[in-house]
């Protein structure tokens, strides 16, 4: 019985560690292709912050094999309240796969009020429609 308890404790610690690692970076994204039911690997994403009435790019990333960027906010920067936007380069992604899309890019603006929270932006994507929401 003791080995089983050790395994369970190890799994619990690994689970807690992965949650706190994800929570260390305040912004993440996830792109899912609703046409295929699979993650969208290789989507370029730009993170912008609105400062003095204009948009400033603060980070760039590309979705992993599971369609995620788990740490989009720059580690060297202090996370500040304000208006941000994630810009998903969907036109380039579809073109690379030999497919057309109505949306050359999808821009998702969002407001950070509490810098102690994590902000997750999921994008459900198809060539002619998309949906997004505040994830956790």
Protein backbone atom coordinates (compact mmCIF):
# COMPACT_ATOMS: atom_id res chain seq x y z
CA UNK A 1 0.00 0.00 0.00
CA UNK A 2 2.85 2.36 0.73
CA UNK A 3 4.13 2.41 -2.91
CA UNK A 4 0.64 3.37 -4.12
CA UNK A 5 0.51 6.22 -1.60
CA UNK A 6 3.95 7.40 -2.79
CA UNK A 7 2.81 7.34 -6.41
CA UNK A 8 -0.35 9.29 -5.53
CA UNK A 9 1.68 11.87 -3.59
CA UNK A 10 4.09 12.22 -6.51
CA UNK A 11 1.23 12.75 -8.96
CA UNK A 12 -0.31 15.35 -6.66
CA UNK A 13 3.00 17.22 -6.38
CA UNK A 14 3.49 17.12 -10.15
CA UNK A 15 -0.04 18.44 -10.65
CA UNK A 16 0.49 21.29 -8.17
CA UNK A 17 3.86 22.10 -9.76
CA UNK A 18 2.36 22.31 -13.25
CA UNK A 19 -0.44 24.58 -12.02
CA UNK A 20 1.95 26.95 -10.29
CA UNK A 21 4.28 26.99 -13.32
CA UNK A 22 1.38 27.95 -15.59
CA UNK A 23 0.27 30.58 -13.08
CA UNK A 24 3.75 32.13 -12.98
CA UNK A 25 3.16 33.80 -16.35
CA UNK A 26 0.02 35.95 -16.34
CA UNK A 27 -1.09 35.46 -19.98
CA UNK A 28 -1.62 32.29 -22.00
CA UNK A 29 -3.46 31.39 -25.20
CA UNK A 30 -4.85 28.21 -26.73
CA UNK A 31 -5.99 27.75 -30.34
CA UNK A 32 -8.30 24.87 -31.25
CA UNK A 33 -9.36 24.09 -34.81
CA UNK A 34 -13.10 23.40 -34.64
CA UNK A 35 -13.13 22.10 -38.22
CA UNK A 36 -10.76 19.23 -37.42
CA UNK A 37 -11.29 18.99 -33.66
CA UNK A 38 -7.53 19.28 -33.09
CA UNK A 39 -5.16 21.86 -31.61
CA UNK A 40 -3.77 24.45 -34.02
CA UNK A 41 0.01 24.12 -33.81
CA UNK A 42 2.17 26.80 -35.41
CA UNK A 43 -0.12 29.83 -35.13
CA UNK A 44 1.91 33.03 -34.67
CA UNK A 45 0.54 35.22 -31.88
CA UNK A 46 1.52 38.77 -31.02
CA UNK A 47 0.78 40.34 -27.61
CA UNK A 48 0.26 44.09 -27.63
CA UNK A 49 -0.29 46.63 -24.86
CA UNK A 50 -2.05 49.96 -25.36
CA UNK A 51 0.08 52.82 -24.10
CA UNK A 52 -0.52 56.52 -24.76
CA UNK A 53 -3.30 55.69 -27.24
CA UNK A 54 -1.20 53.42 -29.45
CA UNK A 55 -0.46 49.70 -29.55
CA UNK A 56 3.00 48.47 -28.60
CA UNK A 57 4.10 44.90 -29.32
CA UNK A 58 5.51 43.40 -26.13
CA UNK A 59 5.79 39.71 -27.06
CA UNK A 60 5.54 37.21 -29.90
CA UNK A 61 5.04 33.49 -29.78
CA UNK A 62 3.94 30.45 -31.76
CA UNK A 63 1.50 27.84 -30.56
CA UNK A 64 2.96 24.48 -29.57
CA UNK A 65 1.87 21.04 -30.81
CA UNK A 66 -1.08 21.21 -28.41
CA UNK A 67 -2.07 24.67 -29.70
CA UNK A 68 -0.86 26.54 -26.61
CA UNK A 69 1.43 29.33 -25.61
CA UNK A 70 1.52 28.92 -21.85
CA UNK A 71 3.75 31.94 -21.16
CA UNK A 72 3.04 34.80 -23.56
CA UNK A 73 3.82 37.74 -21.25
CA UNK A 74 7.51 38.75 -21.26
CA UNK A 75 9.21 37.41 -18.12
CA UNK A 76 11.44 40.47 -17.83
CA UNK A 77 8.49 42.90 -17.62
CA UNK A 78 6.30 43.84 -14.66
CA UNK A 79 2.70 42.86 -15.29
CA UNK A 80 0.63 46.05 -15.34
CA UNK A 81 -3.10 46.72 -15.43
CA UNK A 82 -4.36 48.07 -18.75
CA UNK A 83 -5.71 47.10 -22.14
CA UNK A 84 -3.95 44.34 -24.09
CA UNK A 85 -4.71 42.42 -27.24
CA UNK A 86 -3.68 39.07 -28.63
CA UNK A 87 -3.31 39.09 -32.42
CA UNK A 88 -3.56 35.64 -33.98
CA UNK A 89 -2.02 35.41 -37.49
CA UNK A 90 -4.65 33.03 -38.84
CA UNK A 91 -4.28 33.98 -42.52
CA UNK A 92 -0.62 32.94 -42.57
CA UNK A 93 -1.49 29.72 -40.71
CA UNK A 94 -4.22 28.75 -43.18
CA UNK A 95 -2.11 29.71 -46.23
CA UNK A 96 0.70 27.46 -44.98
CA UNK A 97 -1.82 24.61 -45.02
CA UNK A 98 -3.13 25.41 -48.51
CA UNK A 99 -6.48 26.60 -47.24
CA UNK A 100 -8.45 29.85 -47.51
CA UNK A 101 -9.90 31.79 -44.59
CA UNK A 102 -12.08 34.83 -44.22
CA UNK A 103 -9.97 36.13 -41.31
CA UNK A 104 -6.37 37.10 -42.15
CA UNK A 105 -5.89 37.82 -38.45
CA UNK A 106 -8.01 37.67 -35.34
CA UNK A 107 -7.51 40.36 -32.75
CA UNK A 108 -8.79 39.77 -29.23
CA UNK A 109 -8.61 42.83 -26.98
CA UNK A 110 -8.94 42.35 -23.22
CA UNK A 111 -8.55 44.42 -20.08
CA UNK A 112 -6.33 43.49 -17.16
CA UNK A 113 -7.74 44.90 -13.95
CA UNK A 114 -6.20 42.58 -11.36
CA UNK A 115 -2.55 41.77 -12.01
CA UNK A 116 -2.70 38.93 -9.48
CA UNK A 117 -4.98 36.93 -11.78
CA UNK A 118 -4.11 34.75 -14.76
CA UNK A 119 -5.58 35.73 -18.14
CA UNK A 120 -6.16 32.86 -20.58
CA UNK A 121 -7.44 33.55 -24.10
CA UNK A 122 -8.78 30.47 -25.91
CA UNK A 123 -9.56 30.81 -29.62
CA UNK A 124 -11.91 28.33 -31.28
CA UNK A 125 -11.10 28.59 -34.96
CA UNK A 126 -12.48 27.56 -38.34
CA UNK A 127 -11.90 29.15 -41.78
CA UNK A 128 -15.08 31.24 -41.65
CA UNK A 129 -15.88 31.62 -37.96
CA UNK A 130 -14.23 31.98 -34.60
CA UNK A 131 -15.16 32.26 -30.95
CA UNK A 132 -13.27 33.28 -27.86
CA UNK A 133 -13.90 33.70 -24.15
CA UNK A 134 -12.03 34.32 -20.92
CA UNK A 135 -10.57 31.00 -19.93
CA UNK A 136 -8.94 29.94 -16.70
